[in-house]
Amino acid sequence: MQTTATKTVRPFKGKVNVMFSDAIIASTGKAMVVEEPGRASLYYVPFEHIYFEFLKQSPTTRKMEEGEARFWNVTAVGESADDVLWAFDAPTVDYSELRSYGAFDPGKVNVEAVEEPDTEHQVHWPR
């Protein structure tokens, strides 16, 4: 787990699915989650679990706290949207865990994250 002054980066224990226009464009049990006070959690999916056949790299780049981001557009089931996925080729030291991961814009795609139940800390009563 990596913590900066404002954000925490940690492995997400659960399943993350990303859908666009009824197509699953990413699915993983190995996501990273970035948490920042007052903001919704942001899920980063490993590249090997992103279905790049639906994506085309965009000319858009943007400097962000995590590094220089590059973007991808999506096309699926006859619909398209620009700049739905971003990733960092060389994330800053504080965000090095995000290398080879991409995040999806939750305003443009449906991101479903289901946390695994914490079975390690459950109380089991005798019968």
N, C-alpha and C. Protein backbone atom coordinates (compact mmCIF):
# COMPACT_ATOMS: atom_id res chain seq x y z
N MET A 1 0.85 -1.18 0.00
CA MET A 1 0.00 0.00 0.00
C MET A 1 0.89 1.23 0.00
N GLN A 2 0.55 2.18 -0.85
CA GLN A 2 1.29 3.43 -0.97
C GLN A 2 0.36 4.56 -0.57
N THR A 3 0.83 5.46 0.30
CA THR A 3 0.02 6.60 0.72
C THR A 3 0.78 7.88 0.44
N THR A 4 0.11 8.82 -0.25
CA THR A 4 0.69 10.14 -0.46
C THR A 4 -0.02 11.09 0.48
N ALA A 5 0.24 12.37 0.35
CA ALA A 5 -0.39 13.36 1.23
C ALA A 5 -1.91 13.32 1.12
N THR A 6 -2.43 12.99 -0.05
CA THR A 6 -3.88 13.04 -0.23
C THR A 6 -4.50 11.73 -0.70
N LYS A 7 -3.70 10.83 -1.26
CA LYS A 7 -4.27 9.62 -1.87
C LYS A 7 -3.63 8.36 -1.30
N THR A 8 -4.42 7.28 -1.30
CA THR A 8 -3.92 5.96 -0.92
C THR A 8 -4.08 5.03 -2.11
N VAL A 9 -3.04 4.27 -2.42
CA VAL A 9 -3.07 3.27 -3.49
C VAL A 9 -2.89 1.92 -2.83
N ARG A 10 -3.85 0.99 -3.10
CA ARG A 10 -3.75 -0.34 -2.49
C ARG A 10 -4.39 -1.37 -3.42
N PRO A 11 -4.01 -2.64 -3.26
CA PRO A 11 -4.69 -3.69 -4.02
C PRO A 11 -6.16 -3.76 -3.59
N PHE A 12 -7.04 -3.95 -4.56
CA PHE A 12 -8.47 -4.10 -4.28
C PHE A 12 -8.76 -5.58 -4.13
N LYS A 13 -9.36 -5.96 -3.03
CA LYS A 13 -9.70 -7.37 -2.78
C LYS A 13 -11.13 -7.60 -3.24
N GLY A 14 -11.24 -8.02 -4.49
CA GLY A 14 -12.55 -8.26 -5.07
C GLY A 14 -12.45 -8.27 -6.58
N LYS A 15 -13.59 -8.14 -7.22
CA LYS A 15 -13.70 -8.22 -8.67
C LYS A 15 -14.13 -6.86 -9.22
N VAL A 16 -13.49 -6.43 -10.31
CA VAL A 16 -13.86 -5.20 -10.99
C VAL A 16 -14.21 -5.54 -12.43
N ASN A 17 -15.40 -5.12 -12.86
CA ASN A 17 -15.83 -5.27 -14.25
C ASN A 17 -16.12 -3.88 -14.80
N VAL A 18 -15.73 -3.65 -16.05
CA VAL A 18 -15.97 -2.37 -16.71
C VAL A 18 -16.79 -2.65 -17.96
N MET A 19 -17.94 -1.96 -18.08
CA MET A 19 -18.84 -2.16 -19.21
C MET A 19 -19.05 -0.85 -19.97
N PHE A 20 -19.18 -0.99 -21.29
CA PHE A 20 -19.55 0.13 -22.14
C PHE A 20 -20.53 -0.39 -23.17
N SER A 21 -21.70 0.20 -23.22
CA SER A 21 -22.72 -0.16 -24.21
C SER A 21 -22.95 -1.67 -24.26
N ASP A 22 -23.17 -2.28 -23.12
CA ASP A 22 -23.44 -3.71 -22.97
C ASP A 22 -22.26 -4.63 -23.30
N ALA A 23 -21.08 -4.08 -23.50
CA ALA A 23 -19.88 -4.89 -23.74
C ALA A 23 -18.97 -4.80 -22.52
N ILE A 24 -18.44 -5.94 -22.10
CA ILE A 24 -17.44 -5.93 -21.02
C ILE A 24 -16.11 -5.58 -21.67
N ILE A 25 -15.50 -4.47 -21.23
CA ILE A 25 -14.24 -4.03 -21.83
C ILE A 25 -13.05 -4.26 -20.90
N ALA A 26 -13.33 -4.67 -19.66
CA ALA A 26 -12.27 -5.05 -18.72
C ALA A 26 -12.89 -5.87 -17.60
N SER A 27 -12.13 -6.82 -17.08
CA SER A 27 -12.60 -7.65 -15.97
C SER A 27 -11.38 -8.21 -15.25
N THR A 28 -11.33 -8.02 -13.92
CA THR A 28 -10.16 -8.47 -13.18
C THR A 28 -10.46 -8.74 -11.71
N GLY A 29 -9.65 -9.58 -11.13
CA GLY A 29 -9.64 -9.78 -9.70
C GLY A 29 -8.33 -9.25 -9.12
N LYS A 30 -7.59 -8.46 -9.93
CA LYS A 30 -6.28 -7.95 -9.51
C LYS A 30 -6.18 -6.43 -9.67
N ALA A 31 -7.24 -5.72 -9.39
CA ALA A 31 -7.25 -4.26 -9.54
C ALA A 31 -6.51 -3.58 -8.40
N MET A 32 -6.10 -2.35 -8.66
CA MET A 32 -5.59 -1.44 -7.63
C MET A 32 -6.67 -0.38 -7.45
N VAL A 33 -6.81 0.12 -6.22
CA VAL A 33 -7.79 1.17 -5.96
C VAL A 33 -7.05 2.39 -5.42
N VAL A 34 -7.43 3.55 -5.94
CA VAL A 34 -6.89 4.82 -5.46
C VAL A 34 -8.01 5.51 -4.70
N GLU A 35 -7.74 5.80 -3.44
CA GLU A 35 -8.75 6.43 -2.58
C GLU A 35 -8.26 7.81 -2.17
N GLU A 36 -9.17 8.77 -2.24
CA GLU A 36 -8.87 10.15 -1.88
C GLU A 36 -10.06 10.68 -1.09
N PRO A 37 -9.81 11.30 0.07
CA PRO A 37 -10.92 11.81 0.88
C PRO A 37 -11.84 12.74 0.07
N GLY A 38 -13.15 12.50 0.20
CA GLY A 38 -14.14 13.33 -0.48
C GLY A 38 -14.38 12.98 -1.93
N ARG A 39 -13.73 11.93 -2.45
CA ARG A 39 -13.91 11.53 -3.85
C ARG A 39 -14.25 10.05 -3.92
N ALA A 40 -14.89 9.67 -5.01
CA ALA A 40 -15.19 8.25 -5.23
C ALA A 40 -13.89 7.49 -5.49
N SER A 41 -13.84 6.25 -5.08
CA SER A 41 -12.67 5.40 -5.34
C SER A 41 -12.48 5.23 -6.84
N LEU A 42 -11.23 5.13 -7.27
CA LEU A 42 -10.89 4.96 -8.67
C LEU A 42 -10.15 3.64 -8.81
N TYR A 43 -10.63 2.78 -9.72
CA TYR A 43 -10.08 1.44 -9.87
C TYR A 43 -9.18 1.36 -11.10
N TYR A 44 -7.98 0.84 -10.90
CA TYR A 44 -7.01 0.64 -11.97
C TYR A 44 -6.94 -0.85 -12.28
N VAL A 45 -7.07 -1.18 -13.57
CA VAL A 45 -7.12 -2.56 -14.04
C VAL A 45 -5.80 -2.90 -14.74
N PRO A 46 -5.22 -4.08 -14.46
CA PRO A 46 -4.00 -4.47 -15.17
C PRO A 46 -4.24 -4.54 -16.68
N PHE A 47 -3.26 -4.09 -17.46
CA PHE A 47 -3.40 -4.10 -18.92
C PHE A 47 -3.83 -5.46 -19.45
N GLU A 48 -3.30 -6.54 -18.87
CA GLU A 48 -3.62 -7.87 -19.41
C GLU A 48 -5.08 -8.26 -19.19
N HIS A 49 -5.83 -7.48 -18.41
CA HIS A 49 -7.25 -7.76 -18.17
C HIS A 49 -8.16 -6.71 -18.81
N ILE A 50 -7.58 -5.88 -19.68
CA ILE A 50 -8.35 -4.89 -20.44
C ILE A 50 -8.47 -5.41 -21.87
N TYR A 51 -9.68 -5.38 -22.42
CA TYR A 51 -9.92 -5.89 -23.77
C TYR A 51 -9.66 -4.77 -24.78
N PHE A 52 -8.39 -4.63 -25.16
CA PHE A 52 -7.97 -3.53 -26.02
C PHE A 52 -8.55 -3.60 -27.42
N GLU A 53 -9.18 -4.72 -27.79
CA GLU A 53 -9.82 -4.78 -29.12
C GLU A 53 -10.96 -3.77 -29.23
N PHE A 54 -11.48 -3.28 -28.10
CA PHE A 54 -12.53 -2.26 -28.09
C PHE A 54 -11.95 -0.84 -28.02
N LEU A 55 -10.65 -0.72 -27.85
CA LEU A 55 -10.03 0.57 -27.56
C LEU A 55 -9.03 0.97 -28.64
N LYS A 56 -8.92 2.27 -28.85
CA LYS A 56 -7.94 2.82 -29.78
C LYS A 56 -7.28 4.01 -29.08
N GLN A 57 -5.94 4.05 -29.13
CA GLN A 57 -5.24 5.13 -28.44
C GLN A 57 -5.63 6.48 -29.02
N SER A 58 -5.88 7.42 -28.13
CA SER A 58 -6.28 8.79 -28.46
C SER A 58 -5.03 9.67 -28.52
N PRO A 59 -5.09 10.80 -29.22
CA PRO A 59 -3.95 11.72 -29.20
C PRO A 59 -3.86 12.51 -27.88
N THR A 60 -4.86 12.38 -27.03
CA THR A 60 -4.91 13.14 -25.78
C THR A 60 -3.85 12.68 -24.80
N THR A 61 -3.15 13.64 -24.21
CA THR A 61 -2.26 13.38 -23.08
C THR A 61 -2.53 14.48 -22.05
N ARG A 62 -2.23 14.20 -20.80
CA ARG A 62 -2.48 15.18 -19.75
C ARG A 62 -1.50 14.94 -18.60
N LYS A 63 -0.95 16.04 -18.09
CA LYS A 63 -0.11 15.93 -16.89
C LYS A 63 -1.02 15.83 -15.68
N MET A 64 -0.77 14.82 -14.85
CA MET A 64 -1.56 14.59 -13.65
C MET A 64 -0.59 14.39 -12.49
N GLU A 65 -1.11 14.38 -11.29
CA GLU A 65 -0.27 14.17 -10.10
C GLU A 65 0.52 12.86 -10.22
N GLU A 66 -0.07 11.85 -10.83
CA GLU A 66 0.53 10.53 -10.94
C GLU A 66 1.57 10.43 -12.05
N GLY A 67 1.59 11.41 -12.97
CA GLY A 67 2.52 11.39 -14.09
C GLY A 67 1.83 11.86 -15.36
N GLU A 68 2.47 11.65 -16.50
CA GLU A 68 1.90 12.00 -17.80
C GLU A 68 0.96 10.88 -18.22
N ALA A 69 -0.31 11.22 -18.43
CA ALA A 69 -1.31 10.22 -18.79
C ALA A 69 -1.54 10.21 -20.30
N ARG A 70 -1.70 9.01 -20.84
CA ARG A 70 -2.17 8.87 -22.22
C ARG A 70 -3.55 8.24 -22.17
N PHE A 71 -4.35 8.46 -23.21
CA PHE A 71 -5.76 8.09 -23.19
C PHE A 71 -6.12 7.18 -24.36
N TRP A 72 -7.26 6.47 -24.20
CA TRP A 72 -7.82 5.62 -25.24
C TRP A 72 -9.31 5.94 -25.40
N ASN A 73 -9.79 5.80 -26.64
CA ASN A 73 -11.21 5.91 -26.96
C ASN A 73 -11.78 4.50 -27.05
N VAL A 74 -13.10 4.39 -26.88
CA VAL A 74 -13.75 3.08 -26.93
C VAL A 74 -14.82 3.07 -28.03
N THR A 75 -14.97 1.91 -28.67
CA THR A 75 -16.07 1.65 -29.60
C THR A 75 -16.56 0.24 -29.33
N ALA A 76 -17.87 0.13 -29.08
CA ALA A 76 -18.48 -1.19 -28.82
C ALA A 76 -19.97 -1.11 -29.09
N VAL A 77 -20.51 -2.15 -29.66
CA VAL A 77 -21.95 -2.30 -29.92
C VAL A 77 -22.49 -1.04 -30.61
N GLY A 78 -21.74 -0.52 -31.60
CA GLY A 78 -22.20 0.61 -32.39
C GLY A 78 -22.13 1.96 -31.70
N GLU A 79 -21.56 2.04 -30.52
CA GLU A 79 -21.42 3.31 -29.80
C GLU A 79 -19.95 3.58 -29.54
N SER A 80 -19.63 4.86 -29.32
CA SER A 80 -18.24 5.21 -29.02
C SER A 80 -18.17 6.37 -28.04
N ALA A 81 -17.02 6.50 -27.39
CA ALA A 81 -16.77 7.60 -26.46
C ALA A 81 -15.27 7.87 -26.45
N ASP A 82 -14.92 9.12 -26.29
CA ASP A 82 -13.52 9.53 -26.29
C ASP A 82 -12.93 9.53 -24.89
N ASP A 83 -11.66 9.22 -24.82
CA ASP A 83 -10.85 9.36 -23.61
C ASP A 83 -11.47 8.67 -22.38
N VAL A 84 -11.85 7.41 -22.55
CA VAL A 84 -12.48 6.66 -21.44
C VAL A 84 -11.46 5.96 -20.55
N LEU A 85 -10.28 5.69 -21.08
CA LEU A 85 -9.24 4.97 -20.34
C LEU A 85 -7.98 5.82 -20.34
N TRP A 86 -7.29 5.86 -19.18
CA TRP A 86 -5.98 6.51 -19.15
C TRP A 86 -5.01 5.64 -18.38
N ALA A 87 -3.72 5.87 -18.68
CA ALA A 87 -2.65 5.11 -18.03
C ALA A 87 -1.38 5.95 -18.05
N PHE A 88 -0.44 5.55 -17.20
CA PHE A 88 0.83 6.26 -17.07
C PHE A 88 1.97 5.34 -17.49
N ASP A 89 2.71 5.74 -18.53
CA ASP A 89 3.87 4.94 -18.95
C ASP A 89 4.97 5.00 -17.90
N ALA A 90 5.12 6.16 -17.28
CA ALA A 90 6.16 6.35 -16.27
C ALA A 90 5.55 7.10 -15.09
N PRO A 91 4.77 6.40 -14.25
CA PRO A 91 4.16 7.09 -13.10
C PRO A 91 5.24 7.62 -12.15
N THR A 92 4.88 8.65 -11.40
CA THR A 92 5.82 9.19 -10.42
C THR A 92 6.10 8.12 -9.36
N VAL A 93 7.15 8.32 -8.60
CA VAL A 93 7.59 7.34 -7.60
C VAL A 93 6.44 6.97 -6.65
N ASP A 94 5.66 7.96 -6.22
CA ASP A 94 4.56 7.68 -5.28
C ASP A 94 3.47 6.80 -5.89
N TYR A 95 3.41 6.73 -7.22
CA TYR A 95 2.36 5.96 -7.89
C TYR A 95 2.93 4.86 -8.77
N SER A 96 4.14 4.40 -8.47
CA SER A 96 4.80 3.39 -9.30
C SER A 96 4.00 2.09 -9.40
N GLU A 97 3.16 1.82 -8.41
CA GLU A 97 2.33 0.60 -8.44
C GLU A 97 1.31 0.62 -9.59
N LEU A 98 1.07 1.79 -10.18
CA LEU A 98 0.07 1.91 -11.24
C LEU A 98 0.66 1.67 -12.63
N ARG A 99 1.95 1.37 -12.71
CA ARG A 99 2.57 1.07 -14.02
C ARG A 99 1.90 -0.19 -14.59
N SER A 100 1.57 -0.15 -15.87
CA SER A 100 0.90 -1.25 -16.58
C SER A 100 -0.53 -1.49 -16.10
N TYR A 101 -1.15 -0.45 -15.53
CA TYR A 101 -2.56 -0.47 -15.14
C TYR A 101 -3.25 0.72 -15.82
N GLY A 102 -4.54 0.59 -16.06
CA GLY A 102 -5.31 1.69 -16.63
C GLY A 102 -6.57 1.92 -15.82
N ALA A 103 -7.01 3.19 -15.78
CA ALA A 103 -8.24 3.56 -15.07
C ALA A 103 -9.27 4.03 -16.09
N PHE A 104 -10.52 3.76 -15.80
CA PHE A 104 -11.62 4.14 -16.68
C PHE A 104 -12.41 5.29 -16.07
N ASP A 105 -12.87 6.19 -16.92
CA ASP A 105 -13.67 7.33 -16.49
C ASP A 105 -15.06 6.82 -16.11
N PRO A 106 -15.42 6.86 -14.82
CA PRO A 106 -16.72 6.32 -14.39
C PRO A 106 -17.91 7.14 -14.89
N GLY A 107 -17.65 8.32 -15.45
CA GLY A 107 -18.73 9.10 -16.06
C GLY A 107 -19.03 8.68 -17.48
N LYS A 108 -18.16 7.84 -18.07
CA LYS A 108 -18.33 7.42 -19.46
C LYS A 108 -18.56 5.92 -19.62
N VAL A 109 -18.19 5.15 -18.60
CA VAL A 109 -18.38 3.70 -18.61
C VAL A 109 -18.99 3.29 -17.27
N ASN A 110 -19.46 2.07 -17.20
CA ASN A 110 -19.99 1.55 -15.94
C ASN A 110 -18.90 0.69 -15.28
N VAL A 111 -18.44 1.14 -14.12
CA VAL A 111 -17.42 0.40 -13.37
C VAL A 111 -18.11 -0.25 -12.18
N GLU A 112 -18.05 -1.58 -12.15
CA GLU A 112 -18.68 -2.35 -11.07
C GLU A 112 -17.57 -3.01 -10.25
N ALA A 113 -17.48 -2.63 -8.98
CA ALA A 113 -16.46 -3.19 -8.08
C ALA A 113 -17.16 -3.89 -6.92
N VAL A 114 -16.92 -5.19 -6.78
CA VAL A 114 -17.54 -5.98 -5.72
C VAL A 114 -16.44 -6.52 -4.83
N GLU A 115 -16.43 -6.05 -3.59
CA GLU A 115 -15.40 -6.46 -2.64
C GLU A 115 -15.65 -7.88 -2.15
N GLU A 116 -14.56 -8.64 -1.96
CA GLU A 116 -14.66 -9.98 -1.38
C GLU A 116 -15.07 -9.85 0.08
N PRO A 117 -15.87 -10.78 0.58
CA PRO A 117 -16.18 -10.75 2.01
C PRO A 117 -14.92 -11.02 2.84
N ASP A 118 -14.81 -10.38 3.99
CA ASP A 118 -13.66 -10.57 4.88
C ASP A 118 -13.92 -11.80 5.75
N THR A 119 -13.58 -12.97 5.24
CA THR A 119 -13.83 -14.21 5.98
C THR A 119 -12.81 -14.43 7.08
N GLU A 120 -11.67 -13.76 6.99
CA GLU A 120 -10.62 -13.92 7.99
C GLU A 120 -11.03 -13.37 9.35
N HIS A 121 -11.85 -12.33 9.36
CA HIS A 121 -12.22 -11.68 10.61
C HIS A 121 -13.68 -11.92 11.00
N GLN A 122 -14.34 -12.87 10.38
CA GLN A 122 -15.72 -13.17 10.75
C GLN A 122 -15.75 -14.00 12.02
N VAL A 123 -16.76 -13.75 12.83
CA VAL A 123 -16.95 -14.53 14.06
C VAL A 123 -17.76 -15.77 13.71
N HIS A 124 -17.27 -16.92 14.11
CA HIS A 124 -17.99 -18.18 13.88
C HIS A 124 -18.42 -18.73 15.23
N TRP A 125 -19.70 -18.77 15.44
CA TRP A 125 -20.24 -19.25 16.71
C TRP A 125 -20.42 -20.76 16.67
N PRO A 126 -20.17 -21.43 17.79
CA PRO A 126 -20.40 -22.88 17.82
C PRO A 126 -21.89 -23.17 17.68
N ARG A 127 -22.20 -24.32 17.15
CA ARG A 127 -23.61 -24.70 16.96
C ARG A 127 -24.08 -25.54 18.10
